[in-house]
Structures are given as structure tokens and as C-alpha cells.
Amino acid sequence: MISMDIDFKPHKRPDQGKLAGFDPIVAEIHVGDRVRFTNTDDLQHTATGYSFGGSQIPSDYRFQGDPTKPSGDAIGANEWSTGNVRPHSVSSKVFTAKTPGTFYFACAYHSKMMRGAIMVKQ
């Protein structure tokens, strides 16, 4: 479970770059694990994966699809999205980690302030 809240700030900046707005800010999971996002905030959010993998989050990324609509079911280097997740403990659909790597995601509405990473291990 990863919580969404625009006010969440990590105590220290992670190695992956300027991340905030999700808890945990860097989720460490294994291939086959499942992830669900829960909106604990009073604002609507998305968690939308970047079609990018690597050691640092890209500074200026534009989503290719419509991140406000649910898409995909796998955490990986292709775009996927929870779509709009309404405020106050509403949960998203479930995503499955299929391949190892570090995968970045952001809120489509607050992408400069809400970014996170999922590290998938074998």
C-alpha cells in the first residue's frame, strides 16, 4: 500500500532525486508483489508511471496517455495509471510488479510536487 498526500515530505531526500507526496516515497518490493495506492488527502490524485527507468527521476516529463483514466496493470517502464483516485482513503486498482528495476511515478495534477519511485527486486 502506498499512501497519496500532497503534504507528505520525506525526512531526507532519497538517492533517486526530488520525491515527495507519497508514503513510502520509495517503495521496495519484489517481482510478483502487488501495489495499491490509497488517497489519504483531501485532494484528488493519480499515481501514473513514467515510461522511463533509471537511477534518477527525469526533471521534466510529459505523460503520453491520459493519466486521469486507469490504464495498465503492471509496474514497469511503460506508462500505467491509477486514474483519478478520490479523496479520503479511496483506493486504486491493484498493480503487479513484473520486472526488476526502479520505476518512477507522479500525480498527474501535482507532478512537480508529488513524485515517487518503486524499486522492484528479483
PDB file of N, CA and C in Angstrom:
ATOM      1  N   MET A   1       0.845  -1.170   0.000  1.00  0.00           N
ATOM      2  CA  MET A   1       0.000   0.000   0.000  1.00  0.00           C
ATOM      3  C   MET A   1       0.896   1.241   0.000  1.00  0.00           C
ATOM      4  N   ILE A   2       0.600   2.157  -0.907  1.00  0.00           N
ATOM      5  CA  ILE A   2       1.307   3.440  -0.956  1.00  0.00           C
ATOM      6  C   ILE A   2       0.255   4.533  -0.761  1.00  0.00           C
ATOM      7  N   SER A   3       0.473   5.405   0.215  1.00  0.00           N
ATOM      8  CA  SER A   3      -0.455   6.496   0.503  1.00  0.00           C
ATOM      9  C   SER A   3      -0.123   7.723  -0.337  1.00  0.00           C
ATOM     10  N   MET A   4      -1.172   8.456  -0.726  1.00  0.00           N
ATOM     11  CA  MET A   4      -1.032   9.684  -1.511  1.00  0.00           C
ATOM     12  C   MET A   4      -1.465  10.861  -0.638  1.00  0.00           C
ATOM     13  N   ASP A   5      -0.595  11.874  -0.500  1.00  0.00           N
ATOM     14  CA  ASP A   5      -0.936  13.091   0.238  1.00  0.00           C
ATOM     15  C   ASP A   5       0.047  14.173  -0.180  1.00  0.00           C
ATOM     16  N   ILE A   6      -0.449  15.254  -0.745  1.00  0.00           N
ATOM     17  CA  ILE A   6       0.422  16.309  -1.279  1.00  0.00           C
ATOM     18  C   ILE A   6       1.330  16.905  -0.206  1.00  0.00           C
ATOM     19  N   ASP A   7       0.927  16.809   1.062  1.00  0.00           N
ATOM     20  CA  ASP A   7       1.714  17.399   2.150  1.00  0.00           C
ATOM     21  C   ASP A   7       2.817  16.483   2.667  1.00  0.00           C
ATOM     22  N   PHE A   8       2.859  15.221   2.232  1.00  0.00           N
ATOM     23  CA  PHE A   8       3.882  14.306   2.729  1.00  0.00           C
ATOM     24  C   PHE A   8       5.253  14.695   2.178  1.00  0.00           C
ATOM     25  N   LYS A   9       6.190  14.920   3.076  1.00  0.00           N
ATOM     26  CA  LYS A   9       7.569  15.229   2.702  1.00  0.00           C
ATOM     27  C   LYS A   9       8.484  14.227   3.413  1.00  0.00           C
ATOM     28  N   PRO A  10       9.398  13.590   2.709  1.00  0.00           N
ATOM     29  CA  PRO A  10      10.319  12.677   3.391  1.00  0.00           C
ATOM     30  C   PRO A  10      11.287  13.456   4.280  1.00  0.00           C
ATOM     31  N   HIS A  11      11.812  12.796   5.310  1.00  0.00           N
ATOM     32  CA  HIS A  11      12.753  13.450   6.227  1.00  0.00           C
ATOM     33  C   HIS A  11      14.079  13.769   5.562  1.00  0.00           C
ATOM     34  N   LYS A  12      14.440  12.999   4.562  1.00  0.00           N
ATOM     35  CA  LYS A  12      15.657  13.273   3.786  1.00  0.00           C
ATOM     36  C   LYS A  12      15.389  12.925   2.341  1.00  0.00           C
ATOM     37  N   ARG A  13      16.094  13.590   1.454  1.00  0.00           N
ATOM     38  CA  ARG A  13      15.922  13.341   0.027  1.00  0.00           C
ATOM     39  C   ARG A  13      16.522  11.982  -0.328  1.00  0.00           C
ATOM     40  N   PRO A  14      15.753  11.133  -1.019  1.00  0.00           N
ATOM     41  CA  PRO A  14      16.294   9.828  -1.401  1.00  0.00           C
ATOM     42  C   PRO A  14      17.292   9.949  -2.544  1.00  0.00           C
ATOM     43  N   ASP A  15      18.056   8.892  -2.756  1.00  0.00           N
ATOM     44  CA  ASP A  15      19.067   8.874  -3.817  1.00  0.00           C
ATOM     45  C   ASP A  15      18.472   9.089  -5.205  1.00  0.00           C
ATOM     46  N   GLN A  16      17.182   8.782  -5.382  1.00  0.00           N
ATOM     47  CA  GLN A  16      16.545   8.853  -6.696  1.00  0.00           C
ATOM     48  C   GLN A  16      16.183  10.275  -7.114  1.00  0.00           C
ATOM     49  N   GLY A  17      16.355  11.266  -6.261  1.00  0.00           N
ATOM     50  CA  GLY A  17      16.071  12.651  -6.642  1.00  0.00           C
ATOM     51  C   GLY A  17      14.995  13.280  -5.780  1.00  0.00           C
ATOM     52  N   LYS A  18      14.417  14.363  -6.282  1.00  0.00           N
ATOM     53  CA  LYS A  18      13.430  15.140  -5.531  1.00  0.00           C
ATOM     54  C   LYS A  18      12.069  14.443  -5.596  1.00  0.00           C
ATOM     55  N   LEU A  19      11.739  13.725  -4.534  1.00  0.00           N
ATOM     56  CA  LEU A  19      10.500  12.972  -4.457  1.00  0.00           C
ATOM     57  C   LEU A  19       9.703  13.450  -3.246  1.00  0.00           C
ATOM     58  N   ALA A  20       8.377  13.461  -3.345  1.00  0.00           N
ATOM     59  CA  ALA A  20       7.504  13.852  -2.235  1.00  0.00           C
ATOM     60  C   ALA A  20       6.072  13.484  -2.584  1.00  0.00           C
ATOM     61  N   GLY A  21       5.189  13.509  -1.572  1.00  0.00           N
ATOM     62  CA  GLY A  21       3.764  13.336  -1.799  1.00  0.00           C
ATOM     63  C   GLY A  21       3.243  11.911  -1.723  1.00  0.00           C
ATOM     64  N   PHE A  22       4.129  10.936  -1.509  1.00  0.00           N
ATOM     65  CA  PHE A  22       3.716   9.542  -1.378  1.00  0.00           C
ATOM     66  C   PHE A  22       4.411   8.940  -0.166  1.00  0.00           C
ATOM     67  N   ASP A  23       3.809   7.933   0.446  1.00  0.00           N
ATOM     68  CA  ASP A  23       4.394   7.270   1.596  1.00  0.00           C
ATOM     69  C   ASP A  23       4.161   5.775   1.473  1.00  0.00           C
ATOM     70  N   PRO A  24       5.212   4.959   1.287  1.00  0.00           N
ATOM     71  CA  PRO A  24       6.603   5.367   1.292  1.00  0.00           C
ATOM     72  C   PRO A  24       6.971   6.109   0.004  1.00  0.00           C
ATOM     73  N   ILE A  25       7.952   6.960   0.088  1.00  0.00           N
ATOM     74  CA  ILE A  25       8.381   7.763  -1.057  1.00  0.00           C
ATOM     75  C   ILE A  25       9.114   6.881  -2.074  1.00  0.00           C
ATOM     76  N   VAL A  26       9.857   5.895  -1.577  1.00  0.00           N
ATOM     77  CA  VAL A  26      10.479   4.866  -2.416  1.00  0.00           C
ATOM     78  C   VAL A  26      10.023   3.524  -1.845  1.00  0.00           C
ATOM     79  N   ALA A  27       9.163   2.838  -2.574  1.00  0.00           N
ATOM     80  CA  ALA A  27       8.668   1.533  -2.139  1.00  0.00           C
ATOM     81  C   ALA A  27       9.596   0.455  -2.684  1.00  0.00           C
ATOM     82  N   GLU A  28      10.077  -0.419  -1.806  1.00  0.00           N
ATOM     83  CA  GLU A  28      10.927  -1.533  -2.216  1.00  0.00           C
ATOM     84  C   GLU A  28      10.095  -2.803  -2.177  1.00  0.00           C
ATOM     85  N   ILE A  29       9.926  -3.411  -3.352  1.00  0.00           N
ATOM     86  CA  ILE A  29       9.103  -4.615  -3.475  1.00  0.00           C
ATOM     87  C   ILE A  29       9.846  -5.643  -4.324  1.00  0.00           C
ATOM     88  N   HIS A  30       9.222  -6.793  -4.547  1.00  0.00           N
ATOM     89  CA  HIS A  30       9.818  -7.857  -5.360  1.00  0.00           C
ATOM     90  C   HIS A  30       8.925  -8.182  -6.550  1.00  0.00           C
ATOM     91  N   VAL A  31       9.534  -8.789  -7.574  1.00  0.00           N
ATOM     92  CA  VAL A  31       8.769  -9.248  -8.736  1.00  0.00           C
ATOM     93  C   VAL A  31       7.624 -10.122  -8.232  1.00  0.00           C
ATOM     94  N   GLY A  32       6.431  -9.854  -8.722  1.00  0.00           N
ATOM     95  CA  GLY A  32       5.244 -10.600  -8.318  1.00  0.00           C
ATOM     96  C   GLY A  32       4.439  -9.918  -7.221  1.00  0.00           C
ATOM     97  N   ASP A  33       5.049  -8.968  -6.501  1.00  0.00           N
ATOM     98  CA  ASP A  33       4.311  -8.236  -5.455  1.00  0.00           C
ATOM     99  C   ASP A  33       3.258  -7.350  -6.091  1.00  0.00           C
ATOM    100  N   ARG A  34       2.229  -7.071  -5.316  1.00  0.00           N
ATOM    101  CA  ARG A  34       1.127  -6.235  -5.794  1.00  0.00           C
ATOM    102  C   ARG A  34       1.118  -4.919  -5.017  1.00  0.00           C
ATOM    103  N   VAL A  35       0.724  -3.839  -5.706  1.00  0.00           N
ATOM    104  CA  VAL A  35       0.718  -2.499  -5.122  1.00  0.00           C
ATOM    105  C   VAL A  35      -0.647  -1.858  -5.336  1.00  0.00           C
ATOM    106  N   ARG A  36      -1.140  -1.218  -4.289  1.00  0.00           N
ATOM    107  CA  ARG A  36      -2.378  -0.438  -4.361  1.00  0.00           C
ATOM    108  C   ARG A  36      -2.075   0.932  -3.759  1.00  0.00           C
ATOM    109  N   PHE A  37      -2.646   1.975  -4.337  1.00  0.00           N
ATOM    110  CA  PHE A  37      -2.477   3.346  -3.846  1.00  0.00           C
ATOM    111  C   PHE A  37      -3.743   3.764  -3.106  1.00  0.00           C
ATOM    112  N   THR A  38      -3.571   4.448  -1.963  1.00  0.00           N
ATOM    113  CA  THR A  38      -4.691   4.942  -1.179  1.00  0.00           C
ATOM    114  C   THR A  38      -4.555   6.446  -1.014  1.00  0.00           C
ATOM    115  N   ASN A  39      -5.612   7.173  -1.342  1.00  0.00           N
ATOM    116  CA  ASN A  39      -5.604   8.625  -1.225  1.00  0.00           C
ATOM    117  C   ASN A  39      -6.081   9.019   0.174  1.00  0.00           C
ATOM    118  N   THR A  40      -5.148   9.457   1.020  1.00  0.00           N
ATOM    119  CA  THR A  40      -5.475   9.901   2.374  1.00  0.00           C
ATOM    120  C   THR A  40      -5.625  11.414   2.458  1.00  0.00           C
ATOM    121  N   ASP A  41      -5.506  12.084   1.334  1.00  0.00           N
ATOM    122  CA  ASP A  41      -5.554  13.543   1.251  1.00  0.00           C
ATOM    123  C   ASP A  41      -6.991  14.022   1.051  1.00  0.00           C
ATOM    124  N   ASP A  42      -7.166  15.348   1.050  1.00  0.00           N
ATOM    125  CA  ASP A  42      -8.477  15.925   0.745  1.00  0.00           C
ATOM    126  C   ASP A  42      -8.550  16.442  -0.685  1.00  0.00           C
ATOM    127  N   LEU A  43      -7.540  16.106  -1.507  1.00  0.00           N
ATOM    128  CA  LEU A  43      -7.499  16.457  -2.924  1.00  0.00           C
ATOM    129  C   LEU A  43      -7.503  15.182  -3.766  1.00  0.00           C
ATOM    130  N   GLN A  44      -7.993  15.274  -4.975  1.00  0.00           N
ATOM    131  CA  GLN A  44      -7.943  14.155  -5.920  1.00  0.00           C
ATOM    132  C   GLN A  44      -6.518  14.003  -6.455  1.00  0.00           C
ATOM    133  N   HIS A  45      -6.058  12.754  -6.625  1.00  0.00           N
ATOM    134  CA  HIS A  45      -4.711  12.488  -7.126  1.00  0.00           C
ATOM    135  C   HIS A  45      -4.740  11.317  -8.105  1.00  0.00           C
ATOM    136  N   THR A  46      -3.623  11.158  -8.811  1.00  0.00           N
ATOM    137  CA  THR A  46      -3.346   9.948  -9.573  1.00  0.00           C
ATOM    138  C   THR A  46      -1.964   9.458  -9.163  1.00  0.00           C
ATOM    139  N   ALA A  47      -1.675   8.218  -9.467  1.00  0.00           N
ATOM    140  CA  ALA A  47      -0.309   7.703  -9.455  1.00  0.00           C
ATOM    141  C   ALA A  47      -0.115   7.159 -10.864  1.00  0.00           C
ATOM    142  N   THR A  48       0.750   7.820 -11.624  1.00  0.00           N
ATOM    143  CA  THR A  48       0.922   7.489 -13.035  1.00  0.00           C
ATOM    144  C   THR A  48       2.395   7.233 -13.311  1.00  0.00           C
ATOM    145  N   GLY A  49       2.689   6.039 -13.832  1.00  0.00           N
ATOM    146  CA  GLY A  49       4.069   5.644 -14.077  1.00  0.00           C
ATOM    147  C   GLY A  49       4.660   6.330 -15.292  1.00  0.00           C
ATOM    148  N   TYR A  50       5.924   6.704 -15.173  1.00  0.00           N
ATOM    149  CA  TYR A  50       6.677   7.254 -16.301  1.00  0.00           C
ATOM    150  C   TYR A  50       7.156   6.104 -17.173  1.00  0.00           C
ATOM    151  N   SER A  51       7.191   6.309 -18.476  1.00  0.00           N
ATOM    152  CA  SER A  51       7.791   5.296 -19.359  1.00  0.00           C
ATOM    153  C   SER A  51       9.289   5.569 -19.396  1.00  0.00           C
ATOM    154  N   PHE A  52       9.904   5.340 -18.232  1.00  0.00           N
ATOM    155  CA  PHE A  52      11.306   5.650 -18.022  1.00  0.00           C
ATOM    156  C   PHE A  52      11.791   4.798 -16.857  1.00  0.00           C
ATOM    157  N   GLY A  53      12.984   4.322 -16.906  1.00  0.00           N
ATOM    158  CA  GLY A  53      13.615   3.647 -15.784  1.00  0.00           C
ATOM    159  C   GLY A  53      15.020   4.185 -15.643  1.00  0.00           C
ATOM    160  N   GLY A  54      15.592   4.102 -14.483  1.00  0.00           N
ATOM    161  CA  GLY A  54      16.947   4.590 -14.291  1.00  0.00           C
ATOM    162  C   GLY A  54      17.196   4.965 -12.858  1.00  0.00           C
ATOM    163  N   SER A  55      18.339   5.574 -12.603  1.00  0.00           N
ATOM    164  CA  SER A  55      18.725   5.862 -11.229  1.00  0.00           C
ATOM    165  C   SER A  55      18.209   7.205 -10.719  1.00  0.00           C
ATOM    166  N   GLN A  56      17.827   8.130 -11.605  1.00  0.00           N
ATOM    167  CA  GLN A  56      17.325   9.448 -11.198  1.00  0.00           C
ATOM    168  C   GLN A  56      16.027   9.752 -11.918  1.00  0.00           C
ATOM    169  N   ILE A  57      15.104  10.385 -11.207  1.00  0.00           N
ATOM    170  CA  ILE A  57      13.829  10.755 -11.801  1.00  0.00           C
ATOM    171  C   ILE A  57      14.048  11.847 -12.857  1.00  0.00           C
ATOM    172  N   PRO A  58      13.385  11.769 -14.007  1.00  0.00           N
ATOM    173  CA  PRO A  58      13.545  12.821 -15.018  1.00  0.00           C
ATOM    174  C   PRO A  58      12.980  14.146 -14.495  1.00  0.00           C
ATOM    175  N   SER A  59      13.630  15.247 -14.814  1.00  0.00           N
ATOM    176  CA  SER A  59      13.209  16.547 -14.279  1.00  0.00           C
ATOM    177  C   SER A  59      11.956  17.099 -14.945  1.00  0.00           C
ATOM    178  N   ASP A  60      11.762  16.824 -16.218  1.00  0.00           N
ATOM    179  CA  ASP A  60      10.598  17.368 -16.914  1.00  0.00           C
ATOM    180  C   ASP A  60      10.020  16.287 -17.827  1.00  0.00           C
ATOM    181  N   TYR A  61       8.979  15.625 -17.353  1.00  0.00           N
ATOM    182  CA  TYR A  61       8.387  14.504 -18.087  1.00  0.00           C
ATOM    183  C   TYR A  61       6.949  14.854 -18.446  1.00  0.00           C
ATOM    184  N   ARG A  62       6.539  14.499 -19.654  1.00  0.00           N
ATOM    185  CA  ARG A  62       5.150  14.687 -20.083  1.00  0.00           C
ATOM    186  C   ARG A  62       4.520  13.328 -20.302  1.00  0.00           C
ATOM    187  N   PHE A  63       3.358  13.112 -19.687  1.00  0.00           N
ATOM    188  CA  PHE A  63       2.647  11.848 -19.858  1.00  0.00           C
ATOM    189  C   PHE A  63       2.174  11.714 -21.297  1.00  0.00           C
ATOM    190  N   GLN A  64       2.284  10.505 -21.833  1.00  0.00           N
ATOM    191  CA  GLN A  64       1.901  10.251 -23.219  1.00  0.00           C
ATOM    192  C   GLN A  64       0.397  10.004 -23.355  1.00  0.00           C
ATOM    193  N   GLY A  65      -0.188   9.290 -22.399  1.00  0.00           N
ATOM    194  CA  GLY A  65      -1.616   8.977 -22.435  1.00  0.00           C
ATOM    195  C   GLY A  65      -2.400   9.914 -21.530  1.00  0.00           C
ATOM    196  N   ASP A  66      -3.645   9.557 -21.236  1.00  0.00           N
ATOM    197  CA  ASP A  66      -4.484  10.340 -20.333  1.00  0.00           C
ATOM    198  C   ASP A  66      -4.331   9.769 -18.925  1.00  0.00           C
ATOM    199  N   PRO A  67      -3.541  10.411 -18.064  1.00  0.00           N
ATOM    200  CA  PRO A  67      -3.273   9.858 -16.736  1.00  0.00           C
ATOM    201  C   PRO A  67      -4.473   9.910 -15.793  1.00  0.00           C
ATOM    202  N   THR A  68      -5.544  10.596 -16.174  1.00  0.00           N
ATOM    203  CA  THR A  68      -6.723  10.660 -15.306  1.00  0.00           C
ATOM    204  C   THR A  68      -7.619   9.436 -15.469  1.00  0.00           C
ATOM    205  N   LYS A  69      -7.292   8.568 -16.415  1.00  0.00           N
ATOM    206  CA  LYS A  69      -8.051   7.338 -16.649  1.00  0.00           C
ATOM    207  C   LYS A  69      -7.179   6.141 -16.266  1.00  0.00           C
ATOM    208  N   PRO A  70      -7.754   5.127 -15.589  1.00  0.00           N
ATOM    209  CA  PRO A  70      -6.959   3.947 -15.232  1.00  0.00           C
ATOM    210  C   PRO A  70      -6.406   3.260 -16.485  1.00  0.00           C
ATOM    211  N   SER A  71      -5.141   2.835 -16.398  1.00  0.00           N
ATOM    212  CA  SER A  71      -4.539   2.119 -17.525  1.00  0.00           C
ATOM    213  C   SER A  71      -3.441   1.193 -17.026  1.00  0.00           C
ATOM    214  N   GLY A  72      -3.265   0.105 -17.730  1.00  0.00           N
ATOM    215  CA  GLY A  72      -2.218  -0.856 -17.408  1.00  0.00           C
ATOM    216  C   GLY A  72      -2.506  -1.611 -16.123  1.00  0.00           C
ATOM    217  N   ASP A  73      -1.687  -2.617 -15.873  1.00  0.00           N
ATOM    218  CA  ASP A  73      -1.814  -3.369 -14.626  1.00  0.00           C
ATOM    219  C   ASP A  73      -0.453  -3.793 -14.088  1.00  0.00           C
ATOM    220  N   ALA A  74       0.632  -3.357 -14.763  1.00  0.00           N
ATOM    221  CA  ALA A  74       1.974  -3.776 -14.371  1.00  0.00           C
ATOM    222  C   ALA A  74       2.845  -2.567 -14.046  1.00  0.00           C
ATOM    223  N   ILE A  75       3.592  -2.671 -12.939  1.00  0.00           N
ATOM    224  CA  ILE A  75       4.607  -1.683 -12.594  1.00  0.00           C
ATOM    225  C   ILE A  75       5.805  -1.984 -13.482  1.00  0.00           C
ATOM    226  N   GLY A  76       6.243  -1.020 -14.269  1.00  0.00           N
ATOM    227  CA  GLY A  76       7.369  -1.234 -15.160  1.00  0.00           C
ATOM    228  C   GLY A  76       7.708   0.045 -15.892  1.00  0.00           C
ATOM    229  N   ALA A  77       8.463  -0.076 -16.973  1.00  0.00           N
ATOM    230  CA  ALA A  77       8.947   1.083 -17.721  1.00  0.00           C
ATOM    231  C   ALA A  77       7.977   1.516 -18.813  1.00  0.00           C
ATOM    232  N   ASN A  78       6.716   1.139 -18.697  1.00  0.00           N
ATOM    233  CA  ASN A  78       5.663   1.642 -19.575  1.00  0.00           C
ATOM    234  C   ASN A  78       4.706   2.453 -18.723  1.00  0.00           C
ATOM    235  N   GLU A  79       4.028   3.426 -19.318  1.00  0.00           N
ATOM    236  CA  GLU A  79       3.070   4.198 -18.542  1.00  0.00           C
ATOM    237  C   GLU A  79       1.944   3.303 -18.033  1.00  0.00           C
ATOM    238  N   TRP A  80       1.541   3.535 -16.809  1.00  0.00           N
ATOM    239  CA  TRP A  80       0.390   2.908 -16.171  1.00  0.00           C
ATOM    240  C   TRP A  80      -0.231   3.984 -15.289  1.00  0.00           C
ATOM    241  N   SER A  81      -1.482   3.848 -14.941  1.00  0.00           N
ATOM    242  CA  SER A  81      -2.095   4.884 -14.117  1.00  0.00           C
ATOM    243  C   SER A  81      -3.243   4.345 -13.271  1.00  0.00           C
ATOM    244  N   THR A  82      -3.340   4.875 -12.073  1.00  0.00           N
ATOM    245  CA  THR A  82      -4.489   4.590 -11.212  1.00  0.00           C
ATOM    246  C   THR A  82      -5.736   5.288 -11.736  1.00  0.00           C
ATOM    247  N   GLY A  83      -5.539   6.295 -12.600  1.00  0.00           N
ATOM    248  CA  GLY A  83      -6.638   7.185 -12.937  1.00  0.00           C
ATOM    249  C   GLY A  83      -6.929   8.048 -11.722  1.00  0.00           C
ATOM    250  N   ASN A  84      -8.016   8.783 -11.750  1.00  0.00           N
ATOM    251  CA  ASN A  84      -8.374   9.649 -10.629  1.00  0.00           C
ATOM    252  C   ASN A  84      -8.723   8.816  -9.403  1.00  0.00           C
ATOM    253  N   VAL A  85      -8.074   9.132  -8.292  1.00  0.00           N
ATOM    254  CA  VAL A  85      -8.395   8.489  -7.016  1.00  0.00           C
ATOM    255  C   VAL A  85      -8.942   9.591  -6.111  1.00  0.00           C
ATOM    256  N   ARG A  86     -10.221   9.454  -5.779  1.00  0.00           N
ATOM    257  CA  ARG A  86     -10.898  10.488  -4.994  1.00  0.00           C
ATOM    258  C   ARG A  86     -10.300  10.609  -3.588  1.00  0.00           C
ATOM    259  N   PRO A  87     -10.553  11.731  -2.924  1.00  0.00           N
ATOM    260  CA  PRO A  87     -10.004  11.977  -1.583  1.00  0.00           C
ATOM    261  C   PRO A  87     -10.537  11.032  -0.509  1.00  0.00           C
ATOM    262  N   HIS A  88      -9.810  11.031   0.607  1.00  0.00           N
ATOM    263  CA  HIS A  88     -10.221  10.409   1.869  1.00  0.00           C
ATOM    264  C   HIS A  88     -10.288   8.885   1.819  1.00  0.00           C
ATOM    265  N   SER A  89      -9.121   8.280   1.742  1.00  0.00           N
ATOM    266  CA  SER A  89      -8.964   6.828   1.876  1.00  0.00           C
ATOM    267  C   SER A  89      -9.625   5.997   0.789  1.00  0.00           C
ATOM    268  N   VAL A  90      -9.764   6.533  -0.389  1.00  0.00           N
ATOM    269  CA  VAL A  90     -10.235   5.737  -1.522  1.00  0.00           C
ATOM    270  C   VAL A  90      -9.013   5.059  -2.141  1.00  0.00           C
ATOM    271  N   SER A  91      -9.137   3.789  -2.481  1.00  0.00           N
ATOM    272  CA  SER A  91      -8.015   3.023  -3.019  1.00  0.00           C
ATOM    273  C   SER A  91      -8.124   2.823  -4.516  1.00  0.00           C
ATOM    274  N   SER A  92      -6.979   2.634  -5.128  1.00  0.00           N
ATOM    275  CA  SER A  92      -6.887   2.396  -6.571  1.00  0.00           C
ATOM    276  C   SER A  92      -7.028   0.921  -6.880  1.00  0.00           C
ATOM    277  N   LYS A  93      -6.991   0.613  -8.162  1.00  0.00           N
ATOM    278  CA  LYS A  93      -6.873  -0.770  -8.596  1.00  0.00           C
ATOM    279  C   LYS A  93      -5.497  -1.284  -8.194  1.00  0.00           C
ATOM    280  N   VAL A  94      -5.277  -2.563  -8.351  1.00  0.00           N
ATOM    281  CA  VAL A  94      -4.026  -3.203  -7.954  1.00  0.00           C
ATOM    282  C   VAL A  94      -3.106  -3.321  -9.172  1.00  0.00           C
ATOM    283  N   PHE A  95      -1.815  -3.058  -8.944  1.00  0.00           N
ATOM    284  CA  PHE A  95      -0.786  -3.202  -9.979  1.00  0.00           C
ATOM    285  C   PHE A  95       0.200  -4.264  -9.516  1.00  0.00           C
ATOM    286  N   THR A  96       0.766  -5.006 -10.475  1.00  0.00           N
ATOM    287  CA  THR A  96       1.704  -6.082 -10.160  1.00  0.00           C
ATOM    288  C   THR A  96       3.079  -5.742 -10.711  1.00  0.00           C
ATOM    289  N   ALA A  97       4.111  -5.998  -9.904  1.00  0.00           N
ATOM    290  CA  ALA A  97       5.499  -5.790 -10.340  1.00  0.00           C
ATOM    291  C   ALA A  97       5.905  -6.972 -11.205  1.00  0.00           C
ATOM    292  N   LYS A  98       6.263  -6.699 -12.462  1.00  0.00           N
ATOM    293  CA  LYS A  98       6.584  -7.779 -13.406  1.00  0.00           C
ATOM    294  C   LYS A  98       8.070  -7.932 -13.676  1.00  0.00           C
ATOM    295  N   THR A  99       8.823  -6.823 -13.616  1.00  0.00           N
ATOM    296  CA  THR A  99      10.255  -6.882 -13.935  1.00  0.00           C
ATOM    297  C   THR A  99      11.057  -6.065 -12.925  1.00  0.00           C
ATOM    298  N   PRO A 100      12.306  -6.472 -12.661  1.00  0.00           N
ATOM    299  CA  PRO A 100      13.146  -5.708 -11.740  1.00  0.00           C
ATOM    300  C   PRO A 100      13.530  -4.353 -12.324  1.00  0.00           C
ATOM    301  N   GLY A 101      13.772  -3.389 -11.457  1.00  0.00           N
ATOM    302  CA  GLY A 101      14.216  -2.069 -11.866  1.00  0.00           C
ATOM    303  C   GLY A 101      13.656  -1.005 -10.940  1.00  0.00           C
ATOM    304  N   THR A 102      14.017   0.240 -11.213  1.00  0.00           N
ATOM    305  CA  THR A 102      13.489   1.382 -10.478  1.00  0.00           C
ATOM    306  C   THR A 102      12.552   2.130 -11.414  1.00  0.00           C
ATOM    307  N   PHE A 103      11.309   2.280 -10.986  1.00  0.00           N
ATOM    308  CA  PHE A 103      10.268   2.872 -11.823  1.00  0.00           C
ATOM    309  C   PHE A 103       9.649   4.063 -11.099  1.00  0.00           C
ATOM    310  N   TYR A 104       9.535   5.166 -11.820  1.00  0.00           N
ATOM    311  CA  TYR A 104       9.068   6.422 -11.240  1.00  0.00           C
ATOM    312  C   TYR A 104       7.607   6.668 -11.591  1.00  0.00           C
ATOM    313  N   PHE A 105       6.919   7.383 -10.712  1.00  0.00           N
ATOM    314  CA  PHE A 105       5.527   7.737 -10.934  1.00  0.00           C
ATOM    315  C   PHE A 105       5.265   9.112 -10.319  1.00  0.00           C
ATOM    316  N   ALA A 106       4.176   9.717 -10.729  1.00  0.00           N
ATOM    317  CA  ALA A 106       3.815  11.044 -10.219  1.00  0.00           C
ATOM    318  C   ALA A 106       2.305  11.200 -10.250  1.00  0.00           C
ATOM    319  N   CYS A 107       1.829  12.202  -9.555  1.00  0.00           N
ATOM    320  CA  CYS A 107       0.423  12.600  -9.656  1.00  0.00           C
ATOM    321  C   CYS A 107       0.295  13.477 -10.895  1.00  0.00           C
ATOM    322  N   ALA A 108      -0.662  13.182 -11.741  1.00  0.00           N
ATOM    323  CA  ALA A 108      -0.847  13.958 -12.971  1.00  0.00           C
ATOM    324  C   ALA A 108      -1.198  15.414 -12.676  1.00  0.00           C
ATOM    325  N   TYR A 109      -1.860  15.667 -11.563  1.00  0.00           N
ATOM    326  CA  TYR A 109      -2.264  17.035 -11.211  1.00  0.00           C
ATOM    327  C   TYR A 109      -1.160  17.808 -10.506  1.00  0.00           C
ATOM    328  N   HIS A 110      -0.295  17.113  -9.804  1.00  0.00           N
ATOM    329  CA  HIS A 110       0.717  17.759  -8.965  1.00  0.00           C
ATOM    330  C   HIS A 110       2.102  17.181  -9.229  1.00  0.00           C
ATOM    331  N   SER A 111       2.434  16.967 -10.502  1.00  0.00           N
ATOM    332  CA  SER A 111       3.641  16.201 -10.851  1.00  0.00           C
ATOM    333  C   SER A 111       4.943  16.860 -10.417  1.00  0.00           C
ATOM    334  N   LYS A 112       4.962  18.142 -10.176  1.00  0.00           N
ATOM    335  CA  LYS A 112       6.189  18.788  -9.692  1.00  0.00           C
ATOM    336  C   LYS A 112       6.361  18.598  -8.185  1.00  0.00           C
ATOM    337  N   MET A 113       5.242  18.348  -7.466  1.00  0.00           N
ATOM    338  CA  MET A 113       5.289  18.222  -6.010  1.00  0.00           C
ATOM    339  C   MET A 113       5.065  16.796  -5.519  1.00  0.00           C
ATOM    340  N   MET A 114       4.501  15.944  -6.348  1.00  0.00           N
ATOM    341  CA  MET A 114       4.176  14.575  -5.936  1.00  0.00           C
ATOM    342  C   MET A 114       4.812  13.580  -6.895  1.00  0.00           C
ATOM    343  N   ARG A 115       5.954  13.051  -6.480  1.00  0.00           N
ATOM    344  CA  ARG A 115       6.680  12.061  -7.275  1.00  0.00           C
ATOM    345  C   ARG A 115       7.192  10.980  -6.355  1.00  0.00           C
ATOM    346  N   GLY A 116       7.172   9.746  -6.838  1.00  0.00           N
ATOM    347  CA  GLY A 116       7.671   8.631  -6.050  1.00  0.00           C
ATOM    348  C   GLY A 116       8.391   7.628  -6.917  1.00  0.00           C
ATOM    349  N   ALA A 117       8.903   6.591  -6.285  1.00  0.00           N
ATOM    350  CA  ALA A 117       9.617   5.540  -7.010  1.00  0.00           C
ATOM    351  C   ALA A 117       9.263   4.181  -6.415  1.00  0.00           C
ATOM    352  N   ILE A 118       9.273   3.180  -7.269  1.00  0.00           N
ATOM    353  CA  ILE A 118       9.097   1.800  -6.840  1.00  0.00           C
ATOM    354  C   ILE A 118      10.326   1.037  -7.309  1.00  0.00           C
ATOM    355  N   MET A 119      11.059   0.462  -6.352  1.00  0.00           N
ATOM    356  CA  MET A 119      12.232  -0.350  -6.667  1.00  0.00           C
ATOM    357  C   MET A 119      11.793  -1.813  -6.616  1.00  0.00           C
ATOM    358  N   VAL A 120      11.819  -2.453  -7.773  1.00  0.00           N
ATOM    359  CA  VAL A 120      11.397  -3.852  -7.859  1.00  0.00           C
ATOM    360  C   VAL A 120      12.645  -4.714  -7.908  1.00  0.00           C
ATOM    361  N   LYS A 121      12.752  -5.621  -6.933  1.00  0.00           N
ATOM    362  CA  LYS A 121      13.886  -6.533  -6.857  1.00  0.00           C
ATOM    363  C   LYS A 121      13.439  -7.930  -7.286  1.00  0.00           C
ATOM    364  N   GLN A 122      14.412  -8.732  -7.695  1.00  0.00           N
ATOM    365  CA  GLN A 122      14.124 -10.111  -8.142  1.00  0.00           C
ATOM    366  C   GLN A 122      13.487 -10.901  -7.030  1.00  0.00           C
TER     367      GLN A 122
END
